[in-house]
Protein backbone atom coordinates (compact mmCIF):
# COMPACT_ATOMS: atom_id res chain seq x y z
CA MET A 1 4.92 -41.34 -60.79
CA SER A 2 6.11 -42.47 -57.09
CA THR A 3 8.33 -45.90 -56.92
CA PRO A 4 6.88 -48.17 -54.33
CA SER A 5 8.64 -48.15 -51.02
CA PHE A 6 11.44 -50.25 -50.35
CA ILE A 7 10.59 -52.19 -47.36
CA LEU A 8 8.02 -53.21 -49.08
CA VAL A 9 9.59 -54.64 -52.08
CA ILE A 10 11.81 -55.94 -49.30
CA ALA A 11 8.32 -57.71 -47.61
CA VAL A 12 6.99 -58.60 -51.33
CA ALA A 13 11.08 -60.57 -52.14
CA VAL A 14 11.10 -62.56 -48.25
CA LEU A 15 6.99 -63.58 -48.94
CA TYR A 16 7.40 -64.78 -52.13
CA SER A 17 11.24 -66.42 -51.91
CA GLY A 18 9.09 -67.49 -47.68
CA GLY A 19 6.42 -69.31 -49.84
CA PHE A 20 8.53 -71.05 -53.01
CA TYR A 21 10.69 -72.69 -50.09
CA LEU A 22 7.36 -74.09 -48.15
CA LEU A 23 6.15 -75.18 -51.02
CA LEU A 24 9.54 -77.35 -51.84
CA GLN A 25 9.09 -79.46 -48.58
CA ARG A 26 7.32 -82.66 -48.18
CA SER A 27 5.14 -81.89 -45.02
CA LEU A 28 1.34 -81.07 -46.67
CA MET A 29 1.13 -78.40 -43.66
CA ARG A 30 3.98 -76.29 -45.21
CA VAL A 31 2.89 -76.21 -48.27
CA VAL A 32 -0.58 -75.12 -47.38
CA PHE A 33 1.68 -72.55 -46.09
CA GLY A 34 3.60 -71.77 -48.69
CA ILE A 35 0.57 -71.28 -50.68
CA LEU A 36 -0.57 -68.57 -48.58
CA MET A 37 2.47 -66.35 -48.11
CA LEU A 38 2.59 -66.99 -52.51
CA GLY A 39 -1.11 -65.67 -51.93
CA HIS A 40 0.05 -62.78 -49.83
CA ALA A 41 2.89 -61.70 -51.91
CA ALA A 42 0.57 -61.85 -54.98
CA ASN A 43 -1.58 -59.36 -53.40
CA MET A 44 0.96 -56.85 -52.32
CA SER A 45 2.65 -57.25 -55.70
CA LEU A 46 -0.44 -56.45 -57.64
CA LEU A 47 -1.07 -53.60 -55.43
CA LEU A 48 2.54 -52.06 -56.03
CA THR A 49 1.57 -52.06 -59.34
CA ASP A 50 -0.83 -49.01 -59.01
CA GLU A 51 0.86 -45.50 -58.08
CA ALA A 52 -2.15 -43.79 -56.96
CA ILE A 53 -3.12 -46.76 -54.30
CA THR A 54 -4.51 -44.48 -51.43
CA LEU A 55 -7.29 -42.79 -53.54
CA PRO A 56 -10.00 -44.60 -54.35
CA PRO A 57 -10.58 -45.97 -57.53
CA LEU A 58 -12.98 -44.28 -60.00
CA LEU A 59 -13.17 -41.59 -58.36
CA GLY A 60 -11.05 -38.45 -58.70
CA GLY A 61 -9.24 -36.54 -55.64
CA ALA A 62 -9.07 -32.86 -54.62
CA SER A 63 -5.92 -33.31 -57.64
CA GLY A 64 -8.14 -35.40 -60.45
CA GLU A 65 -6.11 -38.64 -60.36
CA MET A 66 -7.40 -41.72 -59.79
CA SER A 67 -6.77 -45.19 -58.39
CA ASP A 68 -7.00 -47.79 -61.33
CA PRO A 69 -9.67 -50.39 -60.17
CA LEU A 70 -8.01 -53.51 -62.35
CA PRO A 71 -5.15 -54.13 -59.96
CA HIS A 72 -7.86 -53.91 -56.85
CA ALA A 73 -10.00 -56.93 -58.88
CA MET A 74 -7.55 -58.91 -59.11
CA ALA A 75 -6.10 -58.57 -55.70
CA LEU A 76 -9.72 -59.66 -54.87
CA THR A 77 -9.45 -62.38 -57.80
CA ALA A 78 -6.29 -63.52 -56.26
CA ILE A 79 -7.85 -63.64 -52.97
CA VAL A 80 -10.74 -65.95 -53.99
CA ILE A 81 -8.64 -68.18 -55.26
CA THR A 82 -6.32 -68.65 -53.43
CA PHE A 83 -8.67 -69.42 -50.53
CA GLY A 84 -10.12 -71.89 -52.40
CA VAL A 85 -6.78 -73.73 -52.99
CA THR A 86 -6.27 -72.87 -49.57
CA THR A 87 -9.32 -75.02 -48.82
CA PHE A 88 -8.39 -77.94 -50.98
CA LEU A 89 -5.09 -78.58 -49.70
CA LEU A 90 -6.03 -78.65 -46.39
CA ALA A 91 -9.17 -81.38 -46.99
CA LEU A 92 -5.92 -82.73 -48.73
CA ALA A 93 -3.48 -82.56 -46.07
CA TYR A 94 -6.39 -83.78 -43.14
CA ARG A 95 -7.15 -86.82 -45.79
CA VAL A 96 -3.47 -87.44 -45.53
CA TRP A 97 -3.00 -87.33 -42.23
CA LEU A 98 -5.80 -90.07 -41.49
CA GLY A 99 -4.31 -92.08 -43.17
CA ASP A 100 -1.28 -92.75 -40.98
CA GLU A 101 -1.18 -90.03 -38.84
CA ASN A 102 1.75 -88.34 -41.09
CA ASP A 103 1.36 -85.85 -43.49
CA GLU A 104 4.61 -86.07 -44.84
CA VAL A 105 4.64 -87.28 -48.87
CA PRO A 106 6.15 -90.75 -49.39
CA ASP A 107 8.11 -91.62 -52.25
CA ASP A 108 6.06 -92.56 -55.22
CA LEU A 109 6.73 -96.59 -55.85
CA GLU A 110 7.02 -95.67 -59.85
CA ASP A 111 9.35 -92.80 -59.34
CA ARG A 112 11.70 -94.81 -57.33
CA ARG A 113 11.83 -97.74 -60.13
CA ILE A 114 12.49 -95.40 -62.77
CA ARG A 115 15.35 -94.47 -60.85
CA ARG A 116 17.09 -97.67 -60.86
CA LEU A 117 16.55 -98.12 -64.03
CA THR A 118 18.27 -95.10 -65.00
CA GLU A 119 21.33 -95.12 -62.56
CA PRO A 120 24.73 -97.07 -64.11
CA GLU A 121 24.92 -100.70 -62.85
CA ASP A 122 28.65 -101.14 -61.28
CA SER A 123 30.39 -103.39 -63.43
CA SER A 124 32.52 -104.81 -60.56
């Protein structure tokens, strides 16, 4: 059983952390880039699970060892899902940009009202 390269594991960790950081920003374009980074990190982590990743799936090499086709199928599915979500988010960001030529998500008025209700009042 072989272990994945330490550099690939670090690359997956950097992609996940950068993707989550961008996902928490208020700018919709940064959210789109965060989703893309998370999609790439998910694909890399799926492919790192297969220890015989260099072998073709279902066709044994000279040693008779075969690659598991499930991580490949799940990576293809993740690519399609990431593409669909990215397309939707780009359309959403474009729609918001048409409104006021700014892609930042504004504060919700209902959130402001709830925050005012829960804050302790000054008794002075």
